Structure formats: C-alpha cells, structure tokens
Amino acid sequence: MSSNVPHVRSVQLHEAGWTRRFTALGRRLNEAVELYRQLGFDVRMEAVDLNEEETAGAEGCKDCFVTMQARTIYTRPRETANNPGEYSLSKE
C-alpha cells in the first residue's frame, strides 16, 4: 500500500518555490549539491519518493534506495540578504 505523504511533500516544496532536479546518491549527490550552491541556489535534499515516475517501476529497489541513502535534490534561487522574500541568482 503506497502513501501519498511523499507526493504531498513534493507539492508543498513546489508551492514554496523549490524545483525538483533529480535523485542521486554518493559522490554524484555531493558533487551536484556543491555545484548548485556554487551557482547561487539554495539546495535541499529529500528522501526518495518511490512513487515518483523515475522510481515507480523499481519494486525490487525499495530497500536499496533507503539503505544507500539516495536523496532527491531540490533547488531554488537564493534569497537576497536585503529582502528575505526576494530571490536572486547573482552572487552578492
């Protein structure tokens, strides 16, 4: 029986201005997070949603995704220091 909680979380993140990028683990995850930060994005990582399109058919991989600590990367433009509600990609 699948839960809609991860999907609800994804919708909440989107409504808060976050863009889903991709799911990764290990070195690739670390490199992508660092790259997005260097490009001026706020970055957050969320647990893998096994109901997402890219993992929905991976029934046998449910345990390995959790065990291997895969994360889905979300980004949004970094908030400016002068106006916390305003976002900017430029480095200050």
Protein backbone atom coordinates (compact mmCIF):
# COMPACT_ATOMS: atom_id res chain seq x y z
CA MET A 1 0.00 0.00 0.00
CA SER A 2 1.57 3.29 -1.06
CA SER A 3 1.36 6.56 0.82
CA ASN A 4 0.61 9.97 -0.64
CA VAL A 5 2.73 11.70 2.02
CA PRO A 6 5.88 11.99 -0.16
CA HIS A 7 3.77 13.32 -3.07
CA VAL A 8 2.16 15.88 -0.77
CA ARG A 9 5.64 16.94 0.36
CA SER A 10 6.73 17.39 -3.25
CA VAL A 11 3.71 19.62 -3.93
CA GLN A 12 4.44 21.66 -0.79
CA LEU A 13 8.05 22.18 -1.87
CA HIS A 14 6.96 23.26 -5.35
CA GLU A 15 4.49 25.76 -3.86
CA ALA A 16 7.33 27.15 -1.70
CA GLY A 17 9.43 27.84 -4.80
CA TRP A 18 11.56 24.68 -4.88
CA THR A 19 12.30 22.94 -8.18
CA ARG A 20 12.86 19.18 -8.21
CA ARG A 21 16.12 18.39 -10.02
CA PHE A 22 16.95 14.67 -9.79
CA THR A 23 17.68 11.78 -7.44
CA ALA A 24 21.26 10.77 -6.73
CA LEU A 25 23.47 9.18 -4.11
CA GLY A 26 27.07 9.08 -3.04
CA ARG A 27 29.67 11.14 -4.86
CA ARG A 28 27.27 12.30 -7.58
CA LEU A 29 24.88 13.63 -4.93
CA ASN A 30 27.65 15.55 -3.17
CA GLU A 31 29.00 16.98 -6.44
CA ALA A 32 25.57 18.12 -7.61
CA VAL A 33 24.75 19.78 -4.29
CA GLU A 34 28.07 21.64 -4.30
CA LEU A 35 27.62 22.71 -7.93
CA TYR A 36 24.11 24.07 -7.34
CA ARG A 37 25.39 26.01 -4.31
CA GLN A 38 28.26 27.46 -6.33
CA LEU A 39 25.74 28.53 -8.97
CA GLY A 40 23.87 30.52 -6.32
CA PHE A 41 20.99 28.23 -5.45
CA ASP A 42 19.58 27.24 -2.10
CA VAL A 43 19.68 23.44 -2.02
CA ARG A 44 17.69 20.92 -0.04
CA MET A 45 17.66 17.15 -0.16
CA GLU A 46 14.63 14.99 0.49
CA ALA A 47 14.26 11.25 0.97
CA VAL A 48 13.45 9.36 -2.22
CA ASP A 49 9.76 9.21 -3.14
CA LEU A 50 9.33 5.71 -4.56
CA ASN A 51 6.07 6.79 -6.17
CA GLU A 52 7.86 9.24 -8.49
CA GLU A 53 7.99 8.41 -12.17
CA GLU A 54 11.70 7.54 -12.23
CA THR A 55 11.43 5.01 -9.40
CA ALA A 56 7.81 3.82 -9.66
CA GLY A 57 8.69 0.63 -11.56
CA ALA A 58 11.60 -0.27 -9.30
CA GLU A 59 9.70 -2.54 -6.94
CA GLY A 60 12.79 -4.59 -6.07
CA CYS A 61 14.81 -1.47 -5.27
CA LYS A 62 12.76 -0.07 -2.42
CA ASP A 63 15.15 -1.36 0.21
CA CYS A 64 18.32 -0.43 -1.67
CA PHE A 65 17.22 3.18 -2.21
CA VAL A 66 16.66 3.59 1.52
CA THR A 67 19.78 1.66 2.53
CA MET A 68 22.03 3.55 0.11
CA GLN A 69 20.73 6.93 1.28
CA ALA A 70 19.67 8.24 -2.12
CA ARG A 71 18.22 11.75 -1.99
CA THR A 72 16.19 13.90 -4.34
CA ILE A 73 17.72 17.33 -4.89
CA TYR A 74 15.53 20.44 -4.87
CA THR A 75 16.79 23.94 -5.62
CA ARG A 76 15.52 27.50 -5.63
CA PRO A 77 17.19 30.83 -6.24
CA ARG A 78 18.99 32.07 -3.15
CA GLU A 79 17.16 34.71 -1.11
CA THR A 80 18.80 38.13 -1.09
CA ALA A 81 20.09 39.47 2.23
CA ASN A 82 18.22 42.79 1.89
CA ASN A 83 14.83 41.25 1.18
CA PRO A 84 14.20 37.73 2.51
CA GLY A 85 11.19 37.29 0.19
CA GLU A 86 13.19 38.23 -2.90
CA TYR A 87 15.27 35.67 -4.77
CA SER A 88 18.33 36.25 -6.89
CA LEU A 89 20.82 34.09 -8.77
CA SER A 90 23.53 36.76 -8.65
CA LYS A 91 26.29 36.38 -6.10
CA GLU A 92 26.50 39.20 -3.58
